[in-house]
Amino acid sequence: MRHLYLISYDIACPKRWRQVYKIVNGFGDAVHYSVFSCCLSKPERILLLEQLLPVMNQNEDRLMVADLGPADSCAMNRVEFYGTPPRNLSSPSPVIV
């Protein structure tokens, strides 16, 4: 079963930031500068972390992985956006302007 994850990161070094961006971008859609929505199976989530963690500096960088639950049609309804709507999201989401 696939789950929708909200992935966010704060990477101190620009070189590592670019590496992390490229990895996460391969797994999901950008929602904001360092925030992605990723629809992942359990093995895909493990693969994502296996690729990300060696790139990161655990003393300087931060990664957040929020499980929003099963990736059904209402998964993105658990997230609210205010202002301009996010790009590249395949699931419909409420946008409050």
Protein backbone atom coordinates (compact mmCIF):
# COMPACT_ATOMS: atom_id res chain seq x y z
CA MET A 1 0.00 0.00 0.00
CA ARG A 2 1.30 3.43 -0.95
CA HIS A 3 1.30 6.31 1.52
CA LEU A 4 1.54 10.01 0.91
CA TYR A 5 4.57 11.54 2.62
CA LEU A 6 5.42 15.16 3.10
CA ILE A 7 9.22 15.44 2.92
CA SER A 8 10.97 18.58 4.11
CA TYR A 9 14.66 19.26 4.57
CA ASP A 10 17.01 21.96 5.77
CA ILE A 11 20.51 21.39 4.39
CA ALA A 12 23.36 23.68 5.48
CA CYS A 13 25.76 23.15 2.55
CA PRO A 14 24.67 24.16 -1.00
CA LYS A 15 26.44 21.15 -2.52
CA ARG A 16 24.61 18.72 -0.23
CA TRP A 17 21.35 20.65 -0.77
CA ARG A 18 21.59 20.07 -4.54
CA GLN A 19 22.27 16.35 -3.99
CA VAL A 20 19.31 16.02 -1.61
CA TYR A 21 17.07 17.97 -3.99
CA LYS A 22 17.94 15.67 -6.91
CA ILE A 23 17.28 12.54 -4.84
CA VAL A 24 13.93 13.68 -3.43
CA ASN A 25 12.85 15.13 -6.79
CA GLY A 26 13.20 11.62 -8.23
CA PHE A 27 10.65 10.33 -5.73
CA GLY A 28 8.00 13.07 -5.65
CA ASP A 29 6.73 16.51 -6.57
CA ALA A 30 8.01 19.83 -5.27
CA VAL A 31 5.44 21.66 -3.15
CA HIS A 32 7.72 24.45 -1.90
CA TYR A 33 11.45 25.19 -1.94
CA SER A 34 12.54 22.25 0.21
CA VAL A 35 9.19 20.50 0.61
CA PHE A 36 7.99 17.57 -1.50
CA SER A 37 4.94 15.35 -1.62
CA CYS A 38 5.88 11.74 -2.33
CA CYS A 39 3.53 8.82 -2.90
CA LEU A 40 5.66 5.87 -1.78
CA SER A 41 5.40 2.19 -0.98
CA LYS A 42 7.27 0.94 2.08
CA PRO A 43 10.25 -0.30 -0.04
CA GLU A 44 10.39 3.04 -1.89
CA ARG A 45 10.43 4.95 1.42
CA ILE A 46 13.33 2.78 2.60
CA LEU A 47 15.18 3.33 -0.70
CA LEU A 48 14.67 7.10 -0.43
CA LEU A 49 16.13 7.15 3.09
CA GLU A 50 19.01 4.86 2.05
CA GLN A 51 19.93 7.39 -0.63
CA LEU A 52 19.40 10.53 1.47
CA LEU A 53 20.99 9.74 4.81
CA PRO A 54 24.55 9.13 3.53
CA VAL A 55 24.48 12.50 1.72
CA MET A 56 23.37 14.44 4.79
CA ASN A 57 25.54 15.70 7.62
CA GLN A 58 23.65 14.60 10.74
CA ASN A 59 25.25 17.43 12.78
CA GLU A 60 24.21 20.23 10.40
CA ASP A 61 21.22 19.06 8.32
CA ARG A 62 17.64 18.15 9.10
CA LEU A 63 15.11 15.91 7.34
CA MET A 64 11.40 15.59 8.15
CA VAL A 65 9.29 12.72 6.81
CA ALA A 66 5.59 13.10 7.65
CA ASP A 67 3.29 10.17 6.83
CA LEU A 68 -0.09 11.57 5.74
CA GLY A 69 -1.60 8.12 5.44
CA PRO A 70 -2.81 5.96 2.55
CA ALA A 71 -2.38 7.64 -0.82
CA ASP A 72 -6.03 7.50 -1.76
CA SER A 73 -7.92 10.30 -3.45
CA CYS A 74 -8.33 12.24 -0.20
CA ALA A 75 -4.72 12.04 1.05
CA MET A 76 -3.83 15.56 -0.10
CA ASN A 77 -7.01 16.84 1.56
CA ARG A 78 -5.06 16.56 4.81
CA VAL A 79 -2.89 19.49 3.69
CA GLU A 80 -4.09 23.06 3.36
CA PHE A 81 -2.40 25.68 1.20
CA TYR A 82 -2.89 29.43 1.51
CA GLY A 83 -1.87 31.90 -1.17
CA THR A 84 -0.59 30.68 -4.51
CA PRO A 85 -1.32 27.01 -5.19
CA PRO A 86 1.54 24.50 -5.36
CA ARG A 87 2.69 23.21 -8.73
CA ASN A 88 3.09 19.62 -9.93
CA LEU A 89 0.72 17.94 -7.51
CA SER A 90 -1.09 15.07 -9.18
CA SER A 91 -3.73 14.77 -6.46
CA PRO A 92 -6.35 17.45 -5.99
CA SER A 93 -5.86 19.60 -2.92
CA PRO A 94 -7.82 22.34 -1.24
CA VAL A 95 -6.41 25.74 -2.03
CA ILE A 96 -7.64 28.65 0.06
CA VAL A 97 -6.84 32.06 -1.35
